[in-house]
Amino acid sequence: MDSGYEGDAPTKYPKISLHKPSTVPLEEQPEQQQLAHIRVVVEQFFGRLKKLWLITTRPYPLHHDSFDADIDNCILLTNEHIALALLSNNDREFLWRWRRFTSEEAEEKKRKRTAQVAQYNARKRQRNEANFVY
């Protein structure tokens, strides 16, 4: 009998589980839940940081000697901003949207570059065939 079926009658519908069973042992689950809660707060913080300071959303454009001071200032000012307006799920969602956008942007650049290389190779092949003497 297939393990996807319940009971001994083969006419039963398959048991479909939409929830993936946890691989975390029972004794570690409370700790994992606490870590998940902390992870949410961290994602909210970085969402707020990226929303407030454009410099944190791109590769650092200035001289790297000032990087630590600039990032420290962004973090300190973000903490002050959080003191005035608490973190929310909007901050976390902003971070997710930003990650999705940047990954789509990277995929688009990769697709364009692949097309450019293919076009270059096709033209090079045509030039070589035209210059080849039989």
C-alpha atoms as a PDB file:
ATOM      1  CA  MET A   1       0.000   0.000   0.000  1.00  0.00           C
ATOM      2  CA  ASP A   2       1.259   3.487  -0.862  1.00  0.00           C
ATOM      3  CA  SER A   3       2.142   5.606   2.184  1.00  0.00           C
ATOM      4  CA  GLY A   4       0.301   8.565   0.631  1.00  0.00           C
ATOM      5  CA  TYR A   5      -3.023   6.802   1.254  1.00  0.00           C
ATOM      6  CA  GLU A   6      -4.815   6.404   4.530  1.00  0.00           C
ATOM      7  CA  GLY A   7      -6.665   3.248   5.417  1.00  0.00           C
ATOM      8  CA  ASP A   8      -6.769  -0.065   3.599  1.00  0.00           C
ATOM      9  CA  ALA A   9      -9.311   0.826   0.917  1.00  0.00           C
ATOM     10  CA  PRO A  10      -7.549   1.748  -2.363  1.00  0.00           C
ATOM     11  CA  THR A  11     -10.470   4.017  -3.334  1.00  0.00           C
ATOM     12  CA  LYS A  12      -9.573   6.656  -0.697  1.00  0.00           C
ATOM     13  CA  TYR A  13      -8.240   9.985  -1.870  1.00  0.00           C
ATOM     14  CA  PRO A  14      -4.552  10.703  -1.261  1.00  0.00           C
ATOM     15  CA  LYS A  15      -3.654  12.514   1.910  1.00  0.00           C
ATOM     16  CA  ILE A  16      -2.171  15.874   0.919  1.00  0.00           C
ATOM     17  CA  SER A  17      -0.330  17.909   3.492  1.00  0.00           C
ATOM     18  CA  LEU A  18       0.308  21.569   2.727  1.00  0.00           C
ATOM     19  CA  HIS A  19       2.402  21.955   5.861  1.00  0.00           C
ATOM     20  CA  LYS A  20       5.936  20.629   5.714  1.00  0.00           C
ATOM     21  CA  PRO A  21       6.667  18.645   8.881  1.00  0.00           C
ATOM     22  CA  SER A  22       9.191  20.240  11.189  1.00  0.00           C
ATOM     23  CA  THR A  23      12.634  18.677  11.311  1.00  0.00           C
ATOM     24  CA  VAL A  24      13.458  20.464  14.558  1.00  0.00           C
ATOM     25  CA  PRO A  25      13.409  18.168  17.607  1.00  0.00           C
ATOM     26  CA  LEU A  26      10.686  18.932  20.169  1.00  0.00           C
ATOM     27  CA  GLU A  27      13.167  20.080  22.815  1.00  0.00           C
ATOM     28  CA  GLU A  28      14.588  22.736  20.440  1.00  0.00           C
ATOM     29  CA  GLN A  29      11.258  24.144  19.190  1.00  0.00           C
ATOM     30  CA  PRO A  30      10.824  26.842  21.903  1.00  0.00           C
ATOM     31  CA  GLU A  31      14.337  28.109  21.194  1.00  0.00           C
ATOM     32  CA  GLN A  32      13.609  28.148  17.442  1.00  0.00           C
ATOM     33  CA  GLN A  33      10.403  30.110  18.014  1.00  0.00           C
ATOM     34  CA  GLN A  34      12.329  32.675  20.052  1.00  0.00           C
ATOM     35  CA  LEU A  35      14.938  32.965  17.281  1.00  0.00           C
ATOM     36  CA  ALA A  36      12.175  33.387  14.691  1.00  0.00           C
ATOM     37  CA  HIS A  37      10.721  36.264  16.741  1.00  0.00           C
ATOM     38  CA  ILE A  38      14.137  37.921  16.951  1.00  0.00           C
ATOM     39  CA  ARG A  39      14.634  37.422  13.212  1.00  0.00           C
ATOM     40  CA  VAL A  40      11.389  39.309  12.504  1.00  0.00           C
ATOM     41  CA  VAL A  41      12.571  42.305  14.546  1.00  0.00           C
ATOM     42  CA  VAL A  42      15.948  42.295  12.768  1.00  0.00           C
ATOM     43  CA  GLU A  43      14.228  42.195   9.358  1.00  0.00           C
ATOM     44  CA  GLN A  44      12.005  45.095  10.428  1.00  0.00           C
ATOM     45  CA  PHE A  45      15.064  47.095  11.507  1.00  0.00           C
ATOM     46  CA  PHE A  46      16.901  46.570   8.221  1.00  0.00           C
ATOM     47  CA  GLY A  47      13.725  47.380   6.302  1.00  0.00           C
ATOM     48  CA  ARG A  48      13.503  50.710   8.144  1.00  0.00           C
ATOM     49  CA  LEU A  49      17.244  51.338   7.622  1.00  0.00           C
ATOM     50  CA  LYS A  50      16.955  50.801   3.878  1.00  0.00           C
ATOM     51  CA  LYS A  51      13.774  52.861   3.678  1.00  0.00           C
ATOM     52  CA  LEU A  52      15.381  55.851   5.415  1.00  0.00           C
ATOM     53  CA  TRP A  53      18.891  55.878   3.951  1.00  0.00           C
ATOM     54  CA  LEU A  54      19.452  55.417   0.222  1.00  0.00           C
ATOM     55  CA  ILE A  55      23.163  54.887   0.843  1.00  0.00           C
ATOM     56  CA  THR A  56      22.362  51.502   2.447  1.00  0.00           C
ATOM     57  CA  THR A  57      20.529  50.169  -0.614  1.00  0.00           C
ATOM     58  CA  ARG A  58      23.426  50.298  -3.068  1.00  0.00           C
ATOM     59  CA  PRO A  59      27.121  49.516  -3.130  1.00  0.00           C
ATOM     60  CA  TYR A  60      28.953  52.124  -1.081  1.00  0.00           C
ATOM     61  CA  PRO A  61      29.897  54.923  -3.526  1.00  0.00           C
ATOM     62  CA  LEU A  62      32.343  56.886  -1.364  1.00  0.00           C
ATOM     63  CA  HIS A  63      35.854  56.233  -0.127  1.00  0.00           C
ATOM     64  CA  HIS A  64      35.894  53.208   2.174  1.00  0.00           C
ATOM     65  CA  ASP A  65      37.777  55.059   4.908  1.00  0.00           C
ATOM     66  CA  SER A  66      34.506  56.773   5.819  1.00  0.00           C
ATOM     67  CA  PHE A  67      32.308  53.657   5.496  1.00  0.00           C
ATOM     68  CA  ASP A  68      32.237  52.742   9.209  1.00  0.00           C
ATOM     69  CA  ALA A  69      31.372  56.280  10.296  1.00  0.00           C
ATOM     70  CA  ASP A  70      28.631  56.616   7.670  1.00  0.00           C
ATOM     71  CA  ILE A  71      27.012  53.269   8.521  1.00  0.00           C
ATOM     72  CA  ASP A  72      27.263  54.003  12.260  1.00  0.00           C
ATOM     73  CA  ASN A  73      25.499  57.329  11.684  1.00  0.00           C
ATOM     74  CA  CYS A  74      22.761  55.639   9.638  1.00  0.00           C
ATOM     75  CA  ILE A  75      22.226  53.041  12.377  1.00  0.00           C
ATOM     76  CA  LEU A  76      22.179  55.641  15.157  1.00  0.00           C
ATOM     77  CA  LEU A  77      19.723  57.855  13.288  1.00  0.00           C
ATOM     78  CA  THR A  78      17.556  54.822  12.481  1.00  0.00           C
ATOM     79  CA  ASN A  79      17.458  53.962  16.190  1.00  0.00           C
ATOM     80  CA  GLU A  80      16.327  57.531  16.934  1.00  0.00           C
ATOM     81  CA  HIS A  81      13.676  57.236  14.244  1.00  0.00           C
ATOM     82  CA  ILE A  82      12.457  53.956  15.785  1.00  0.00           C
ATOM     83  CA  ALA A  83      12.226  55.677  19.169  1.00  0.00           C
ATOM     84  CA  LEU A  84       9.724  58.092  17.593  1.00  0.00           C
ATOM     85  CA  ALA A  85       7.846  55.557  15.434  1.00  0.00           C
ATOM     86  CA  LEU A  86       8.013  51.887  16.429  1.00  0.00           C
ATOM     87  CA  LEU A  87       8.917  49.134  13.975  1.00  0.00           C
ATOM     88  CA  SER A  88       6.076  47.514  12.077  1.00  0.00           C
ATOM     89  CA  ASN A  89       5.423  44.822   9.505  1.00  0.00           C
ATOM     90  CA  ASN A  90       5.527  47.552   6.841  1.00  0.00           C
ATOM     91  CA  ASP A  91       9.266  47.856   7.491  1.00  0.00           C
ATOM     92  CA  ARG A  92       9.714  44.099   7.109  1.00  0.00           C
ATOM     93  CA  GLU A  93       7.630  44.045   3.919  1.00  0.00           C
ATOM     94  CA  PHE A  94       9.710  46.913   2.521  1.00  0.00           C
ATOM     95  CA  LEU A  95      12.841  44.826   3.058  1.00  0.00           C
ATOM     96  CA  TRP A  96      11.270  41.828   1.295  1.00  0.00           C
ATOM     97  CA  ARG A  97      10.130  43.973  -1.644  1.00  0.00           C
ATOM     98  CA  TRP A  98      13.594  45.529  -1.888  1.00  0.00           C
ATOM     99  CA  ARG A  99      15.243  42.085  -1.898  1.00  0.00           C
ATOM    100  CA  ARG A 100      12.831  40.849  -4.569  1.00  0.00           C
ATOM    101  CA  PHE A 101      13.449  43.970  -6.684  1.00  0.00           C
ATOM    102  CA  THR A 102      17.226  43.703  -6.464  1.00  0.00           C
ATOM    103  CA  SER A 103      17.190  39.997  -7.339  1.00  0.00           C
ATOM    104  CA  GLU A 104      14.941  40.705 -10.347  1.00  0.00           C
ATOM    105  CA  GLU A 105      17.246  43.552 -11.348  1.00  0.00           C
ATOM    106  CA  ALA A 106      20.284  41.245 -11.138  1.00  0.00           C
ATOM    107  CA  GLU A 107      18.521  38.577 -13.203  1.00  0.00           C
ATOM    108  CA  GLU A 108      17.649  41.182 -15.844  1.00  0.00           C
ATOM    109  CA  LYS A 109      21.292  42.350 -16.024  1.00  0.00           C
ATOM    110  CA  LYS A 110      22.458  38.751 -16.342  1.00  0.00           C
ATOM    111  CA  ARG A 111      19.908  38.067 -19.094  1.00  0.00           C
ATOM    112  CA  LYS A 112      20.996  41.191 -21.022  1.00  0.00           C
ATOM    113  CA  ARG A 113      24.677  40.317 -20.642  1.00  0.00           C
ATOM    114  CA  THR A 114      24.067  36.765 -21.877  1.00  0.00           C
ATOM    115  CA  ALA A 115      22.251  38.168 -24.933  1.00  0.00           C
ATOM    116  CA  GLN A 116      25.129  40.594 -25.607  1.00  0.00           C
ATOM    117  CA  VAL A 117      27.710  37.809 -25.417  1.00  0.00           C
ATOM    118  CA  ALA A 118      25.643  35.595 -27.740  1.00  0.00           C
ATOM    119  CA  GLN A 119      25.295  38.447 -30.245  1.00  0.00           C
ATOM    120  CA  TYR A 120      29.017  39.191 -30.071  1.00  0.00           C
ATOM    121  CA  ASN A 121      29.898  35.524 -30.639  1.00  0.00           C
ATOM    122  CA  ALA A 122      27.500  35.288 -33.612  1.00  0.00           C
ATOM    123  CA  ARG A 123      29.039  38.371 -35.254  1.00  0.00           C
ATOM    124  CA  LYS A 124      32.547  37.085 -34.602  1.00  0.00           C
ATOM    125  CA  ARG A 125      31.629  33.731 -36.146  1.00  0.00           C
ATOM    126  CA  GLN A 126      30.242  35.538 -39.233  1.00  0.00           C
ATOM    127  CA  ARG A 127      33.433  37.604 -39.612  1.00  0.00           C
ATOM    128  CA  ASN A 128      35.601  34.514 -39.294  1.00  0.00           C
ATOM    129  CA  GLU A 129      33.560  32.632 -41.891  1.00  0.00           C
ATOM    130  CA  ALA A 130      33.704  35.619 -44.294  1.00  0.00           C
ATOM    131  CA  ASN A 131      37.514  35.890 -43.900  1.00  0.00           C
ATOM    132  CA  PHE A 132      38.137  32.153 -44.229  1.00  0.00           C
ATOM    133  CA  VAL A 133      39.811  31.249 -47.534  1.00  0.00           C
ATOM    134  CA  TYR A 134      38.937  27.846 -49.020  1.00  0.00           C
END
